[in-house]
Amino acid sequence: MKQITTHAEKRGSAWLAGGGVRPTRQRVALASLLIGDGKDRHVTAESLFDAVRHSGEKVSLATVYNTLRTFCDAGLMSEITVDGTKSYFDTNTTEHPHFFWEDTGELTDAARERMQITNLPSAPEGAEIASVDVVIRLRRT
């Protein structure tokens, strides 16, 4: 990720507005890094923190965590947990599977066109299935 441009800031501010998120300086900076170039991203709080530091913005790691949670709560991002220990945040909020590359720790989108999830168990009484997360772990050969 690079220096934040005016175009990226405008795109980031519009993204925040679309989610009903108040555009503070720090939120706009993070949003600009996440979607400023129009591409989807998978980030961890730590990778986004590093990117914002390199952009020259002053934002604490705690603020990055809190802001990512705010973006998820607003429906702007989704959280994908790998191994129950590491969270990735995805700007693509459509339901889709992911590849997790074990050697690099990278999370990437997997094509959903050929994937079919069938025969899910019934949800317990008083509950409904909200979503199904699919993470396919890959090991290079």
N, C-alpha and C. Protein backbone atom coordinates (compact mmCIF):
# COMPACT_ATOMS: atom_id res chain seq x y z
N MET A 1 0.85 -1.17 0.00
CA MET A 1 0.00 0.00 0.00
C MET A 1 0.89 1.23 0.00
N LYS A 2 0.37 2.33 -0.55
CA LYS A 2 1.22 3.49 -0.77
C LYS A 2 0.73 4.72 -0.03
N GLN A 3 1.34 5.83 -0.39
CA GLN A 3 0.93 7.12 0.14
C GLN A 3 -0.54 7.36 -0.20
N ILE A 4 -1.23 8.04 0.69
CA ILE A 4 -2.65 8.31 0.48
C ILE A 4 -2.81 9.51 -0.45
N THR A 5 -3.57 9.34 -1.52
CA THR A 5 -3.80 10.42 -2.48
C THR A 5 -5.16 11.06 -2.23
N THR A 6 -5.38 12.23 -2.81
CA THR A 6 -6.67 12.91 -2.68
C THR A 6 -7.78 12.07 -3.27
N HIS A 7 -7.52 11.42 -4.41
CA HIS A 7 -8.52 10.54 -5.03
C HIS A 7 -8.88 9.40 -4.08
N ALA A 8 -7.87 8.81 -3.45
CA ALA A 8 -8.10 7.71 -2.51
C ALA A 8 -8.90 8.20 -1.31
N GLU A 9 -8.61 9.41 -0.84
CA GLU A 9 -9.36 9.98 0.29
C GLU A 9 -10.82 10.18 -0.07
N LYS A 10 -11.08 10.67 -1.27
CA LYS A 10 -12.47 10.87 -1.72
C LYS A 10 -13.20 9.53 -1.79
N ARG A 11 -12.53 8.53 -2.35
CA ARG A 11 -13.13 7.19 -2.46
C ARG A 11 -13.37 6.62 -1.06
N GLY A 12 -12.40 6.78 -0.17
CA GLY A 12 -12.54 6.30 1.20
C GLY A 12 -13.67 7.00 1.94
N SER A 13 -13.79 8.30 1.79
CA SER A 13 -14.86 9.06 2.44
C SER A 13 -16.23 8.62 1.93
N ALA A 14 -16.34 8.39 0.63
CA ALA A 14 -17.61 7.93 0.06
C ALA A 14 -17.97 6.53 0.57
N TRP A 15 -16.97 5.68 0.72
CA TRP A 15 -17.17 4.32 1.24
C TRP A 15 -17.71 4.39 2.66
N LEU A 16 -17.11 5.25 3.47
CA LEU A 16 -17.57 5.42 4.86
C LEU A 16 -19.00 5.93 4.89
N ALA A 17 -19.29 6.91 4.05
CA ALA A 17 -20.65 7.47 4.00
C ALA A 17 -21.66 6.39 3.62
N GLY A 18 -21.29 5.52 2.68
CA GLY A 18 -22.17 4.44 2.26
C GLY A 18 -22.50 3.47 3.38
N GLY A 19 -21.61 3.37 4.36
CA GLY A 19 -21.84 2.50 5.51
C GLY A 19 -22.37 3.24 6.72
N GLY A 20 -22.58 4.55 6.56
CA GLY A 20 -23.07 5.35 7.69
C GLY A 20 -22.03 5.54 8.78
N VAL A 21 -20.75 5.50 8.42
CA VAL A 21 -19.67 5.64 9.39
C VAL A 21 -19.17 7.09 9.38
N ARG A 22 -19.10 7.69 10.56
CA ARG A 22 -18.61 9.07 10.68
C ARG A 22 -17.15 9.14 10.21
N PRO A 23 -16.84 10.07 9.30
CA PRO A 23 -15.51 10.13 8.69
C PRO A 23 -14.48 10.91 9.51
N THR A 24 -13.92 10.30 10.55
CA THR A 24 -12.83 10.94 11.28
C THR A 24 -11.57 10.90 10.42
N ARG A 25 -10.58 11.68 10.78
CA ARG A 25 -9.32 11.70 10.03
C ARG A 25 -8.71 10.30 9.95
N GLN A 26 -8.71 9.60 11.07
CA GLN A 26 -8.09 8.28 11.10
C GLN A 26 -8.89 7.27 10.28
N ARG A 27 -10.20 7.33 10.35
CA ARG A 27 -11.04 6.41 9.57
C ARG A 27 -10.87 6.64 8.08
N VAL A 28 -10.81 7.92 7.70
CA VAL A 28 -10.62 8.23 6.27
C VAL A 28 -9.26 7.73 5.81
N ALA A 29 -8.23 7.89 6.63
CA ALA A 29 -6.90 7.40 6.26
C ALA A 29 -6.92 5.89 6.06
N LEU A 30 -7.53 5.17 6.99
CA LEU A 30 -7.58 3.71 6.87
C LEU A 30 -8.45 3.28 5.70
N ALA A 31 -9.59 3.92 5.52
CA ALA A 31 -10.47 3.59 4.39
C ALA A 31 -9.77 3.86 3.07
N SER A 32 -9.02 4.93 3.00
CA SER A 32 -8.30 5.28 1.77
C SER A 32 -7.27 4.21 1.41
N LEU A 33 -6.60 3.69 2.42
CA LEU A 33 -5.63 2.62 2.17
C LEU A 33 -6.33 1.33 1.76
N LEU A 34 -7.49 1.08 2.35
CA LEU A 34 -8.20 -0.17 2.07
C LEU A 34 -8.84 -0.20 0.69
N ILE A 35 -9.51 0.87 0.28
CA ILE A 35 -10.27 0.83 -0.97
C ILE A 35 -9.97 2.00 -1.89
N GLY A 36 -8.97 2.78 -1.58
CA GLY A 36 -8.66 3.98 -2.35
C GLY A 36 -8.34 3.74 -3.81
N ASP A 37 -7.85 2.56 -4.14
CA ASP A 37 -7.53 2.27 -5.55
C ASP A 37 -8.63 1.43 -6.21
N GLY A 38 -9.72 1.17 -5.48
CA GLY A 38 -10.85 0.43 -6.05
C GLY A 38 -10.68 -1.07 -6.04
N LYS A 39 -9.59 -1.57 -5.46
CA LYS A 39 -9.36 -3.01 -5.41
C LYS A 39 -9.73 -3.55 -4.04
N ASP A 40 -10.19 -4.80 -4.01
CA ASP A 40 -10.49 -5.44 -2.74
C ASP A 40 -9.20 -5.84 -2.05
N ARG A 41 -9.25 -5.88 -0.73
CA ARG A 41 -8.08 -6.20 0.07
C ARG A 41 -8.44 -7.20 1.16
N HIS A 42 -7.46 -8.02 1.52
CA HIS A 42 -7.50 -8.86 2.72
C HIS A 42 -6.37 -8.34 3.58
N VAL A 43 -6.69 -7.86 4.76
CA VAL A 43 -5.66 -7.32 5.65
C VAL A 43 -5.82 -7.89 7.04
N THR A 44 -4.75 -7.86 7.78
CA THR A 44 -4.81 -8.07 9.22
C THR A 44 -4.69 -6.68 9.84
N ALA A 45 -5.02 -6.58 11.10
CA ALA A 45 -4.87 -5.28 11.78
C ALA A 45 -3.41 -4.84 11.73
N GLU A 46 -2.51 -5.80 11.88
CA GLU A 46 -1.08 -5.47 11.89
C GLU A 46 -0.60 -5.00 10.52
N SER A 47 -1.06 -5.66 9.45
CA SER A 47 -0.62 -5.23 8.11
C SER A 47 -1.18 -3.85 7.76
N LEU A 48 -2.41 -3.57 8.18
CA LEU A 48 -2.99 -2.25 7.93
C LEU A 48 -2.28 -1.20 8.77
N PHE A 49 -1.92 -1.54 9.99
CA PHE A 49 -1.16 -0.63 10.86
C PHE A 49 0.18 -0.27 10.21
N ASP A 50 0.88 -1.27 9.68
CA ASP A 50 2.15 -1.01 8.99
C ASP A 50 1.95 -0.10 7.79
N ALA A 51 0.89 -0.36 7.02
CA ALA A 51 0.63 0.46 5.83
C ALA A 51 0.32 1.90 6.20
N VAL A 52 -0.47 2.10 7.23
CA VAL A 52 -0.82 3.47 7.61
C VAL A 52 0.40 4.20 8.17
N ARG A 53 1.25 3.50 8.89
CA ARG A 53 2.50 4.13 9.38
C ARG A 53 3.38 4.56 8.22
N HIS A 54 3.49 3.71 7.18
CA HIS A 54 4.30 4.05 6.01
C HIS A 54 3.70 5.20 5.20
N SER A 55 2.41 5.44 5.36
CA SER A 55 1.77 6.54 4.63
C SER A 55 2.01 7.88 5.32
N GLY A 56 2.55 7.83 6.54
CA GLY A 56 2.82 9.07 7.26
C GLY A 56 1.74 9.46 8.25
N GLU A 57 0.63 8.73 8.28
CA GLU A 57 -0.45 9.02 9.22
C GLU A 57 -0.08 8.49 10.61
N LYS A 58 -0.57 9.17 11.62
CA LYS A 58 -0.35 8.74 13.01
C LYS A 58 -1.62 8.08 13.51
N VAL A 59 -1.60 6.75 13.60
CA VAL A 59 -2.74 5.98 14.08
C VAL A 59 -2.18 4.84 14.94
N SER A 60 -2.77 4.63 16.12
CA SER A 60 -2.31 3.55 16.99
C SER A 60 -2.86 2.21 16.53
N LEU A 61 -2.21 1.13 16.94
CA LEU A 61 -2.68 -0.22 16.60
C LEU A 61 -4.07 -0.45 17.20
N ALA A 62 -4.31 0.06 18.40
CA ALA A 62 -5.64 -0.08 19.02
C ALA A 62 -6.70 0.61 18.17
N THR A 63 -6.39 1.76 17.62
CA THR A 63 -7.33 2.46 16.75
C THR A 63 -7.60 1.66 15.49
N VAL A 64 -6.57 1.02 14.94
CA VAL A 64 -6.76 0.18 13.75
C VAL A 64 -7.72 -0.96 14.08
N TYR A 65 -7.50 -1.64 15.19
CA TYR A 65 -8.40 -2.73 15.60
C TYR A 65 -9.82 -2.22 15.77
N ASN A 66 -9.99 -1.13 16.48
CA ASN A 66 -11.33 -0.57 16.73
C ASN A 66 -12.00 -0.13 15.43
N THR A 67 -11.22 0.44 14.54
CA THR A 67 -11.78 0.91 13.27
C THR A 67 -12.19 -0.26 12.38
N LEU A 68 -11.39 -1.30 12.33
CA LEU A 68 -11.77 -2.49 11.56
C LEU A 68 -13.07 -3.08 12.11
N ARG A 69 -13.22 -3.10 13.43
CA ARG A 69 -14.45 -3.59 14.04
C ARG A 69 -15.63 -2.69 13.63
N THR A 70 -15.43 -1.39 13.63
CA THR A 70 -16.47 -0.45 13.20
C THR A 70 -16.85 -0.69 11.75
N PHE A 71 -15.86 -0.90 10.88
CA PHE A 71 -16.13 -1.16 9.46
C PHE A 71 -16.92 -2.45 9.29
N CYS A 72 -16.57 -3.48 10.06
CA CYS A 72 -17.32 -4.75 10.00
C CYS A 72 -18.75 -4.55 10.49
N ASP A 73 -18.91 -3.87 11.60
CA ASP A 73 -20.25 -3.63 12.15
C ASP A 73 -21.13 -2.85 11.18
N ALA A 74 -20.51 -1.99 10.37
CA ALA A 74 -21.25 -1.19 9.39
C ALA A 74 -21.51 -1.96 8.09
N GLY A 75 -20.97 -3.17 7.98
CA GLY A 75 -21.16 -3.97 6.77
C GLY A 75 -20.21 -3.62 5.65
N LEU A 76 -19.18 -2.84 5.94
CA LEU A 76 -18.21 -2.44 4.92
C LEU A 76 -17.14 -3.50 4.68
N MET A 77 -16.92 -4.34 5.68
CA MET A 77 -15.92 -5.39 5.60
C MET A 77 -16.47 -6.63 6.28
N SER A 78 -15.82 -7.75 6.02
CA SER A 78 -16.14 -8.97 6.75
C SER A 78 -14.86 -9.49 7.38
N GLU A 79 -15.04 -10.21 8.48
CA GLU A 79 -13.90 -10.78 9.19
C GLU A 79 -13.84 -12.27 8.91
N ILE A 80 -12.66 -12.75 8.57
CA ILE A 80 -12.44 -14.17 8.33
C ILE A 80 -11.39 -14.62 9.33
N THR A 81 -11.73 -15.62 10.13
CA THR A 81 -10.80 -16.13 11.13
C THR A 81 -10.18 -17.43 10.63
N VAL A 82 -8.88 -17.50 10.73
CA VAL A 82 -8.14 -18.69 10.33
C VAL A 82 -7.56 -19.31 11.59
N ASP A 83 -7.83 -20.58 11.81
CA ASP A 83 -7.33 -21.32 12.97
C ASP A 83 -7.85 -20.78 14.30
N GLY A 84 -8.83 -19.91 14.28
CA GLY A 84 -9.33 -19.36 15.52
C GLY A 84 -8.36 -18.42 16.20
N THR A 85 -7.24 -18.14 15.54
CA THR A 85 -6.21 -17.32 16.16
C THR A 85 -5.89 -16.04 15.40
N LYS A 86 -6.11 -16.05 14.10
CA LYS A 86 -5.73 -14.89 13.29
C LYS A 86 -6.93 -14.43 12.49
N SER A 87 -7.20 -13.13 12.57
CA SER A 87 -8.31 -12.55 11.82
C SER A 87 -7.81 -11.77 10.63
N TYR A 88 -8.48 -11.98 9.51
CA TYR A 88 -8.26 -11.21 8.30
C TYR A 88 -9.53 -10.42 8.05
N PHE A 89 -9.40 -9.26 7.46
CA PHE A 89 -10.54 -8.41 7.16
C PHE A 89 -10.59 -8.21 5.66
N ASP A 90 -11.76 -8.42 5.09
CA ASP A 90 -11.95 -8.45 3.64
C ASP A 90 -12.89 -7.32 3.23
N THR A 91 -12.46 -6.53 2.25
CA THR A 91 -13.32 -5.45 1.75
C THR A 91 -14.38 -5.98 0.79
N ASN A 92 -14.25 -7.22 0.33
CA ASN A 92 -15.26 -7.84 -0.51
C ASN A 92 -16.26 -8.52 0.41
N THR A 93 -17.44 -7.94 0.56
CA THR A 93 -18.41 -8.46 1.53
C THR A 93 -19.39 -9.46 0.93
N THR A 94 -19.23 -9.80 -0.35
CA THR A 94 -20.08 -10.85 -0.91
C THR A 94 -19.63 -12.19 -0.34
N GLU A 95 -20.56 -13.14 -0.28
CA GLU A 95 -20.18 -14.46 0.22
C GLU A 95 -19.30 -15.15 -0.81
N HIS A 96 -18.12 -15.54 -0.39
CA HIS A 96 -17.19 -16.22 -1.29
C HIS A 96 -16.17 -16.99 -0.45
N PRO A 97 -15.61 -18.06 -1.01
CA PRO A 97 -14.59 -18.83 -0.30
C PRO A 97 -13.22 -18.17 -0.40
N HIS A 98 -12.31 -18.63 0.44
CA HIS A 98 -10.95 -18.10 0.46
C HIS A 98 -9.94 -19.23 0.44
N PHE A 99 -8.77 -18.90 -0.12
CA PHE A 99 -7.60 -19.76 0.00
C PHE A 99 -6.72 -19.16 1.09
N PHE A 100 -6.21 -20.00 1.97
CA PHE A 100 -5.22 -19.57 2.95
C PHE A 100 -3.92 -20.28 2.62
N TRP A 101 -2.90 -19.51 2.28
CA TRP A 101 -1.60 -20.04 1.89
C TRP A 101 -0.77 -20.23 3.16
N GLU A 102 -0.56 -21.49 3.54
CA GLU A 102 0.11 -21.79 4.80
C GLU A 102 1.54 -21.26 4.87
N ASP A 103 2.26 -21.25 3.75
CA ASP A 103 3.66 -20.84 3.79
C ASP A 103 3.84 -19.33 3.94
N THR A 104 2.90 -18.55 3.45
CA THR A 104 3.04 -17.09 3.52
C THR A 104 2.05 -16.44 4.47
N GLY A 105 1.02 -17.16 4.88
CA GLY A 105 0.00 -16.58 5.74
C GLY A 105 -0.92 -15.63 4.99
N GLU A 106 -0.91 -15.73 3.66
CA GLU A 106 -1.74 -14.84 2.83
C GLU A 106 -3.13 -15.45 2.64
N LEU A 107 -4.13 -14.59 2.64
CA LEU A 107 -5.50 -14.98 2.36
C LEU A 107 -5.90 -14.38 1.03
N THR A 108 -6.42 -15.21 0.11
CA THR A 108 -6.83 -14.72 -1.20
C THR A 108 -8.22 -15.26 -1.51
N ASP A 109 -8.91 -14.60 -2.42
CA ASP A 109 -10.23 -15.05 -2.83
C ASP A 109 -10.13 -16.31 -3.67
N ALA A 110 -11.10 -17.19 -3.51
CA ALA A 110 -11.23 -18.38 -4.35
C ALA A 110 -12.51 -18.21 -5.16
N ALA A 111 -12.52 -18.76 -6.36
CA ALA A 111 -13.70 -18.66 -7.22
C ALA A 111 -14.87 -19.38 -6.57
N ARG A 112 -16.02 -18.76 -6.57
CA ARG A 112 -17.17 -19.41 -5.95
C ARG A 112 -18.10 -20.06 -6.97
N GLU A 113 -17.85 -19.86 -8.24
CA GLU A 113 -18.74 -20.37 -9.29
C GLU A 113 -18.91 -21.88 -9.22
N ARG A 114 -17.86 -22.62 -8.93
CA ARG A 114 -17.93 -24.08 -8.96
C ARG A 114 -18.21 -24.69 -7.60
N MET A 115 -18.24 -23.87 -6.57
CA MET A 115 -18.43 -24.39 -5.23
C MET A 115 -19.92 -24.55 -4.92
N GLN A 116 -20.25 -25.69 -4.35
CA GLN A 116 -21.62 -25.93 -3.91
C GLN A 116 -21.56 -26.46 -2.49
N ILE A 117 -22.31 -25.83 -1.62
CA ILE A 117 -22.40 -26.32 -0.25
C ILE A 117 -23.77 -26.95 -0.11
N THR A 118 -23.77 -28.24 0.16
CA THR A 118 -25.05 -28.96 0.25
C THR A 118 -25.12 -29.71 1.57
N ASN A 119 -26.31 -30.08 1.93
CA ASN A 119 -26.55 -30.92 3.11
C ASN A 119 -26.03 -30.31 4.41
N LEU A 120 -26.23 -29.01 4.57
CA LEU A 120 -25.87 -28.40 5.84
C LEU A 120 -26.78 -28.95 6.92
N PRO A 121 -26.28 -29.08 8.13
CA PRO A 121 -27.15 -29.51 9.21
C PRO A 121 -28.18 -28.41 9.51
N SER A 122 -29.31 -28.81 10.03
CA SER A 122 -30.33 -27.82 10.40
C SER A 122 -29.82 -27.02 11.59
N ALA A 123 -30.17 -25.75 11.60
CA ALA A 123 -29.81 -24.91 12.74
C ALA A 123 -30.66 -25.34 13.95
N PRO A 124 -30.13 -25.20 15.14
CA PRO A 124 -30.91 -25.52 16.32
C PRO A 124 -32.16 -24.65 16.40
N GLU A 125 -33.14 -25.11 17.14
CA GLU A 125 -34.39 -24.35 17.28
C GLU A 125 -34.08 -22.96 17.82
N GLY A 126 -34.72 -21.98 17.21
CA GLY A 126 -34.53 -20.60 17.62
C GLY A 126 -33.34 -19.92 16.97
N ALA A 127 -32.72 -20.59 16.01
CA ALA A 127 -31.55 -20.02 15.33
C ALA A 127 -31.69 -20.23 13.84
N GLU A 128 -30.96 -19.42 13.07
CA GLU A 128 -30.88 -19.61 11.63
C GLU A 128 -29.44 -19.46 11.20
N ILE A 129 -29.09 -20.11 10.12
CA ILE A 129 -27.73 -20.01 9.60
C ILE A 129 -27.58 -18.65 8.95
N ALA A 130 -26.63 -17.86 9.46
CA ALA A 130 -26.40 -16.51 8.94
C ALA A 130 -25.47 -16.54 7.73
N SER A 131 -24.46 -17.38 7.79
CA SER A 131 -23.53 -17.51 6.67
C SER A 131 -22.67 -18.74 6.89
N VAL A 132 -21.96 -19.13 5.84
CA VAL A 132 -21.03 -20.24 5.91
C VAL A 132 -19.69 -19.72 5.39
N ASP A 133 -18.67 -19.80 6.23
CA ASP A 133 -17.34 -19.35 5.82
C ASP A 133 -16.54 -20.56 5.38
N VAL A 134 -15.92 -20.45 4.21
CA VAL A 134 -15.10 -21.53 3.68
C VAL A 134 -13.69 -21.01 3.48
N VAL A 135 -12.75 -21.63 4.20
CA VAL A 135 -11.33 -21.30 4.04
C VAL A 135 -10.63 -22.59 3.64
N ILE A 136 -10.05 -22.59 2.46
CA ILE A 136 -9.35 -23.75 1.91
C ILE A 136 -7.86 -23.52 2.13
N ARG A 137 -7.26 -24.37 2.94
CA ARG A 137 -5.84 -24.23 3.26
C ARG A 137 -5.01 -24.84 2.14
N LEU A 138 -4.00 -24.11 1.70
CA LEU A 138 -3.13 -24.57 0.63
C LEU A 138 -1.69 -24.71 1.12
N ARG A 139 -1.04 -25.76 0.62
CA ARG A 139 0.37 -25.98 0.88
C ARG A 139 1.04 -26.15 -0.47
N ARG A 140 2.09 -25.40 -0.71
CA ARG A 140 2.80 -25.50 -2.00
C ARG A 140 3.53 -26.83 -2.09
N THR A 141 3.53 -27.39 -3.30
CA THR A 141 4.20 -28.69 -3.51
C THR A 141 5.53 -28.50 -4.19
